Amino acid sequence: MKMNRVLFAAMVGLTTVGASYALFEMRKVTVESNDGKRVYKRVEHVGSVRLVKRLSDKPCIIGISWGSDSNGIWVDKGCRAEFEYQTKDDRDRDRDRDRDKDRDRDKIKLPDRWTSGYETKRITVESKDGRRSYRRIDTSGGVRLTKRLSDKPCVLGRSWGYDKNGVWTDNGCRAEFEVKSRKDSNSDRNDWWGGRVPSWAVGTWKGFRYAADGMTLTIRSDGTVYLKKNRESGQGRRGDAGSRQVRIDDDLWELIRDRSDRIRLRPIHARGGELSFEKQ
């Protein structure tokens, strides 16, 4: 009798441990923005989406001409590409159903694969004057719009959405969001496009030469960027920076160090030419 209880306990333990693992498979899908129009493809995916092959002559830049949310993948501005995403296979879905039946029958508390290790954060993201706004935060556990604050509509994939590094709004959408972030994540840490802002880039820079003449560029250690034109009021246009790139609205540049007191912004997908700055 004692041996039977031991074997039963061991079997329950194995069942509990096994239920904390999911069976996944990788799938590919092609999404195409024809005639420069936005296209949204609904796919059931778990985790992040990866662009594996660009099919268009137009660039495919995450957050600008392609992206994903919890329900699918979108492309825009002529981007056509093949994407790879992770999804649960049919065996895992069947096991989920069996797990729920076992939980109700045996009252065994199994770990929740989707919420374990995550915490809920609430943020507000506002598109002012109809311009795109981006808030960096870990979104690996998913994002949900909880309250619309604007008169303008907030439509997923059109006027709001998210990628693995943050939440964005556009076209006048202002809203509150509920975000599931890893408990060990730091929302102020800038891991957007390749890591933290390098120490040599932090500071205030004065533009010189051609297009940058009269501009002031401010880069903060948390990744916040301000680009101000001569005689412009306030701090100027706000954006984000990583270790290699700078983005402001829909403009994207490569961040290059020329020497200790000079940097350049080389256009990747931006209006105008290269911008040169020297330490102020």
Protein backbone atom coordinates (compact mmCIF):
# COMPACT_ATOMS: atom_id res chain seq x y z
CA MET A 1 0.00 0.00 0.00
CA LYS A 2 2.83 2.38 0.88
CA MET A 3 4.62 1.53 -2.36
CA ASN A 4 1.46 2.28 -4.38
CA ARG A 5 1.19 5.74 -2.76
CA VAL A 6 4.83 6.45 -3.63
CA LEU A 7 4.32 5.40 -7.26
CA PHE A 8 1.14 7.50 -7.50
CA ALA A 9 2.94 10.56 -6.11
CA ALA A 10 5.79 10.06 -8.59
CA MET A 11 3.35 9.82 -11.50
CA VAL A 12 1.56 13.00 -10.42
CA GLY A 13 4.90 14.77 -10.15
CA LEU A 14 5.89 13.71 -13.66
CA THR A 15 2.51 14.81 -15.01
CA THR A 16 2.86 18.18 -13.33
CA VAL A 17 6.39 18.74 -14.65
CA GLY A 18 5.47 17.57 -18.14
CA ALA A 19 2.55 19.98 -18.31
CA SER A 20 4.87 22.95 -17.89
CA TYR A 21 6.43 22.28 -21.29
CA ALA A 22 4.84 23.05 -24.63
CA LEU A 23 5.25 21.33 -28.00
CA PHE A 24 6.05 23.88 -30.69
CA GLU A 25 6.61 23.88 -34.41
CA MET A 26 8.03 26.53 -36.74
CA ARG A 27 5.95 27.74 -39.66
CA LYS A 28 6.49 30.22 -42.47
CA VAL A 29 4.11 32.66 -44.12
CA THR A 30 4.44 35.26 -46.89
CA VAL A 31 2.83 38.68 -46.42
CA GLU A 32 2.89 41.25 -49.22
CA SER A 33 2.16 44.98 -49.32
CA ASN A 34 1.06 45.49 -52.92
CA ASP A 35 0.84 49.04 -54.33
CA GLY A 36 2.30 50.31 -51.05
CA LYS A 37 -0.85 49.44 -49.09
CA ARG A 38 -0.96 47.97 -45.60
CA VAL A 39 -1.75 44.25 -45.38
CA TYR A 40 -2.57 42.32 -42.22
CA LYS A 41 -2.31 38.52 -42.01
CA ARG A 42 -3.85 36.73 -39.04
CA VAL A 43 -1.65 33.91 -37.70
CA GLU A 44 -1.70 32.00 -34.43
CA HIS A 45 1.79 32.43 -33.05
CA VAL A 46 3.58 32.03 -29.74
CA GLY A 47 6.47 34.37 -28.99
CA SER A 48 8.24 36.53 -31.53
CA VAL A 49 8.06 36.68 -35.32
CA ARG A 50 11.21 36.72 -37.48
CA LEU A 51 11.67 38.04 -41.02
CA VAL A 52 13.64 35.38 -42.89
CA LYS A 53 13.56 36.61 -46.51
CA ARG A 54 12.75 39.97 -48.08
CA LEU A 55 10.99 39.59 -51.45
CA SER A 56 10.52 43.26 -52.34
CA ASP A 57 12.82 46.00 -53.61
CA LYS A 58 11.33 48.24 -50.94
CA PRO A 59 12.92 47.97 -47.47
CA CYS A 60 11.26 45.95 -44.70
CA ILE A 61 11.98 47.71 -41.42
CA ILE A 62 10.45 46.46 -38.18
CA GLY A 63 8.04 48.95 -36.65
CA ILE A 64 7.91 50.99 -39.87
CA SER A 65 7.08 48.73 -42.81
CA TRP A 66 6.45 45.48 -40.98
CA GLY A 67 5.56 44.27 -37.50
CA SER A 68 3.47 41.83 -35.51
CA ASP A 69 1.03 41.74 -32.63
CA SER A 70 -0.58 38.93 -30.69
CA ASN A 71 -2.96 38.10 -33.56
CA GLY A 72 -0.90 38.38 -36.70
CA ILE A 73 1.69 40.02 -38.95
CA TRP A 74 1.44 43.26 -40.95
CA VAL A 75 3.43 44.80 -43.79
CA ASP A 76 3.25 48.28 -45.31
CA LYS A 77 4.95 50.72 -47.73
CA GLY A 78 5.67 48.06 -50.37
CA CYS A 79 7.37 45.54 -48.07
CA ARG A 80 6.93 41.93 -49.22
CA ALA A 81 8.60 39.23 -47.16
CA GLU A 82 8.62 35.70 -45.80
CA PHE A 83 8.26 35.39 -42.04
CA GLU A 84 8.93 32.58 -39.58
CA TYR A 85 6.87 32.17 -36.45
CA GLN A 86 6.41 29.64 -33.67
CA THR A 87 3.07 27.99 -32.97
CA LYS A 88 1.75 25.21 -30.79
CA ASP A 89 1.15 21.97 -32.68
CA ASP A 90 -2.05 19.92 -32.52
CA ARG A 91 -0.62 17.48 -29.98
CA ASP A 92 0.01 20.34 -27.58
CA ARG A 93 -3.54 21.68 -27.99
CA ASP A 94 -4.92 18.20 -27.24
CA ARG A 95 -2.70 17.96 -24.19
CA ASP A 96 -3.93 21.37 -23.01
CA ARG A 97 -7.49 20.07 -23.09
CA ASP A 98 -6.51 16.87 -21.26
CA ARG A 99 -4.61 18.93 -18.69
CA ASP A 100 -7.69 21.03 -17.97
CA LYS A 101 -9.81 17.90 -17.51
CA ASP A 102 -7.24 16.37 -15.16
CA ARG A 103 -7.03 19.59 -13.17
CA ASP A 104 -10.81 19.64 -12.62
CA ARG A 105 -10.93 15.94 -11.77
CA ASP A 106 -7.90 15.58 -9.52
CA LYS A 107 -7.66 19.18 -8.20
CA ILE A 108 -3.95 19.25 -9.07
CA LYS A 109 -2.63 22.79 -9.44
CA LEU A 110 -0.40 22.88 -12.51
CA PRO A 111 1.94 25.75 -13.45
CA ASP A 112 0.55 28.32 -15.88
CA ARG A 113 2.98 28.53 -18.78
CA TRP A 114 1.69 31.88 -19.89
CA THR A 115 1.76 33.93 -16.67
CA SER A 116 4.49 32.31 -14.61
CA GLY A 117 7.43 34.69 -14.33
CA TYR A 118 5.45 37.69 -15.59
CA GLU A 119 3.99 40.79 -13.99
CA THR A 120 1.28 43.17 -15.19
CA LYS A 121 2.22 46.75 -15.99
CA ARG A 122 -0.13 49.56 -17.02
CA ILE A 123 1.08 52.29 -19.35
CA THR A 124 -0.37 55.17 -21.35
CA VAL A 125 0.76 55.83 -24.92
CA GLU A 126 -0.48 58.93 -26.75
CA SER A 127 -0.30 59.89 -30.41
CA LYS A 128 -0.28 63.69 -30.23
CA ASP A 129 -1.10 65.79 -33.30
CA GLY A 130 -1.68 62.56 -35.18
CA ARG A 131 2.00 61.59 -34.94
CA ARG A 132 3.37 58.17 -34.09
CA SER A 133 4.42 57.59 -30.47
CA TYR A 134 6.50 54.66 -29.24
CA ARG A 135 6.95 53.47 -25.64
CA ARG A 136 9.72 50.99 -24.84
CA ILE A 137 8.64 48.12 -22.59
CA ASP A 138 9.02 44.33 -22.53
CA THR A 139 5.90 42.88 -24.21
CA SER A 140 6.85 39.19 -24.26
CA GLY A 141 3.72 38.26 -22.25
CA GLY A 142 1.28 40.15 -24.48
CA VAL A 143 -0.46 43.54 -24.64
CA ARG A 144 -4.11 44.48 -24.14
CA LEU A 145 -5.80 47.85 -24.70
CA THR A 146 -7.86 48.55 -21.58
CA LYS A 147 -9.12 52.11 -22.06
CA ARG A 148 -9.29 54.46 -25.04
CA LEU A 149 -8.61 58.08 -24.07
CA SER A 150 -8.94 59.72 -27.49
CA ASP A 151 -11.85 60.66 -29.70
CA LYS A 152 -9.95 59.09 -32.57
CA PRO A 153 -10.37 55.30 -32.91
CA CYS A 154 -7.69 52.90 -31.70
CA VAL A 155 -7.61 49.99 -34.15
CA LEU A 156 -5.13 47.16 -33.63
CA GLY A 157 -2.63 47.01 -36.48
CA ARG A 158 -3.64 50.43 -37.80
CA SER A 159 -3.50 53.04 -35.06
CA TRP A 160 -1.89 50.95 -32.33
CA GLY A 161 0.21 47.83 -31.99
CA TYR A 162 3.36 46.45 -30.44
CA ASP A 163 6.57 44.59 -31.12
CA LYS A 164 8.90 42.76 -28.73
CA ASN A 165 10.40 46.03 -27.48
CA GLY A 166 7.40 48.30 -26.96
CA VAL A 167 3.93 49.65 -27.74
CA TRP A 168 3.08 52.25 -30.40
CA THR A 169 0.11 54.46 -31.23
CA ASP A 170 -0.57 56.55 -34.34
CA ASN A 171 -3.21 58.68 -36.11
CA GLY A 172 -4.41 60.35 -32.90
CA CYS A 173 -4.96 57.19 -30.82
CA ARG A 174 -4.41 57.74 -27.08
CA ALA A 175 -5.00 54.80 -24.77
CA GLU A 176 -4.10 52.88 -21.65
CA PHE A 177 -2.58 49.44 -22.07
CA GLU A 178 -2.03 46.41 -19.87
CA VAL A 179 1.32 44.77 -20.58
CA LYS A 180 2.62 41.41 -19.38
CA SER A 181 6.38 41.82 -18.81
CA ARG A 182 9.00 39.46 -17.48
CA LYS A 183 9.60 40.03 -13.77
CA ASP A 184 13.32 40.42 -14.37
CA SER A 185 12.84 42.98 -17.17
CA ASN A 186 13.64 46.66 -16.86
CA SER A 187 11.35 48.83 -18.96
CA ASP A 188 13.90 51.64 -18.89
CA ARG A 189 16.61 49.40 -20.30
CA ASN A 190 17.11 50.13 -23.99
CA ASP A 191 17.60 46.89 -25.87
CA TRP A 192 15.92 48.25 -28.98
CA TRP A 193 17.83 47.32 -32.13
CA GLY A 194 20.96 45.89 -30.67
CA GLY A 195 21.49 46.89 -27.07
CA ARG A 196 22.07 49.90 -24.86
CA VAL A 197 23.06 53.31 -26.13
CA PRO A 198 26.88 53.46 -26.18
CA SER A 199 28.43 55.89 -23.71
CA TRP A 200 30.19 57.82 -26.48
CA ALA A 201 26.81 58.74 -28.03
CA VAL A 202 25.27 60.17 -24.86
CA GLY A 203 25.15 63.95 -24.68
CA THR A 204 24.17 67.01 -26.71
CA TRP A 205 25.44 67.37 -30.28
CA LYS A 206 25.46 70.39 -32.58
CA GLY A 207 24.82 69.87 -36.27
CA PHE A 208 27.20 71.08 -38.94
CA ARG A 209 27.52 70.59 -42.68
CA TYR A 210 24.58 70.79 -45.04
CA ALA A 211 21.34 69.20 -43.81
CA ALA A 212 22.29 69.14 -40.11
CA ASP A 213 23.39 72.78 -39.94
CA GLY A 214 21.42 74.51 -37.18
CA MET A 215 20.17 71.26 -35.62
CA THR A 216 20.71 70.06 -32.05
CA LEU A 217 20.68 66.34 -31.24
CA THR A 218 20.31 65.12 -27.66
CA ILE A 219 20.83 61.43 -26.83
CA ARG A 220 20.16 60.19 -23.30
CA SER A 221 21.48 57.05 -21.66
CA ASP A 222 17.96 55.56 -21.42
CA GLY A 223 17.63 55.73 -25.23
CA THR A 224 15.48 58.85 -25.47
CA VAL A 225 16.43 61.12 -28.38
CA TYR A 226 15.48 64.72 -29.20
CA LEU A 227 16.20 66.35 -32.57
CA LYS A 228 15.62 70.09 -32.61
CA LYS A 229 15.87 72.45 -35.54
CA ASN A 230 17.11 76.01 -35.23
CA ARG A 231 14.48 78.35 -33.72
CA GLU A 232 12.15 75.40 -33.02
CA SER A 233 10.35 75.71 -29.67
CA GLY A 234 10.51 73.03 -26.98
CA GLN A 235 12.82 70.02 -27.08
CA GLY A 236 12.07 69.11 -30.69
CA ARG A 237 11.08 65.77 -32.20
CA ARG A 238 11.33 62.83 -29.84
CA GLY A 239 12.59 59.38 -30.77
CA ASP A 240 14.54 56.32 -29.64
CA ALA A 241 18.13 55.12 -29.97
CA GLY A 242 19.91 51.78 -29.62
CA SER A 243 23.55 50.80 -29.97
CA ARG A 244 23.50 51.12 -33.75
CA GLN A 245 20.39 53.01 -34.85
CA VAL A 246 18.23 56.06 -34.18
CA ARG A 247 14.53 56.31 -35.00
CA ILE A 248 12.34 59.43 -34.89
CA ASP A 249 8.77 59.02 -36.14
CA ASP A 250 9.11 57.11 -39.45
CA ASP A 251 12.73 58.15 -40.04
CA LEU A 252 15.48 55.62 -39.34
CA TRP A 253 19.25 56.25 -39.32
CA GLU A 254 22.40 54.25 -38.65
CA LEU A 255 24.36 55.71 -35.71
CA ILE A 256 28.06 56.09 -36.61
CA ARG A 257 30.99 57.35 -34.55
CA ASP A 258 33.52 59.35 -36.59
CA ARG A 259 35.84 60.26 -33.74
CA SER A 260 35.57 61.10 -30.04
CA ASP A 261 33.78 64.39 -30.67
CA ARG A 262 31.83 63.66 -33.88
CA ILE A 263 28.97 61.34 -34.89
CA ARG A 264 26.87 60.83 -38.02
CA LEU A 265 23.32 59.68 -38.75
CA ARG A 266 23.36 57.79 -42.04
CA PRO A 267 19.86 57.36 -43.59
CA ILE A 268 18.45 53.83 -43.67
CA HIS A 269 14.86 54.88 -44.25
CA ALA A 270 14.76 58.64 -43.74
CA ARG A 271 14.02 61.84 -45.58
CA GLY A 272 16.99 64.00 -46.53
CA GLY A 273 20.69 63.24 -46.49
CA GLU A 274 23.27 62.29 -43.92
CA LEU A 275 23.39 64.33 -40.70
CA SER A 276 26.73 65.21 -39.06
CA PHE A 277 27.12 66.40 -35.47
CA GLU A 278 29.93 67.47 -33.17
CA LYS A 279 29.99 67.44 -29.38
CA GLN A 280 28.54 70.59 -27.85
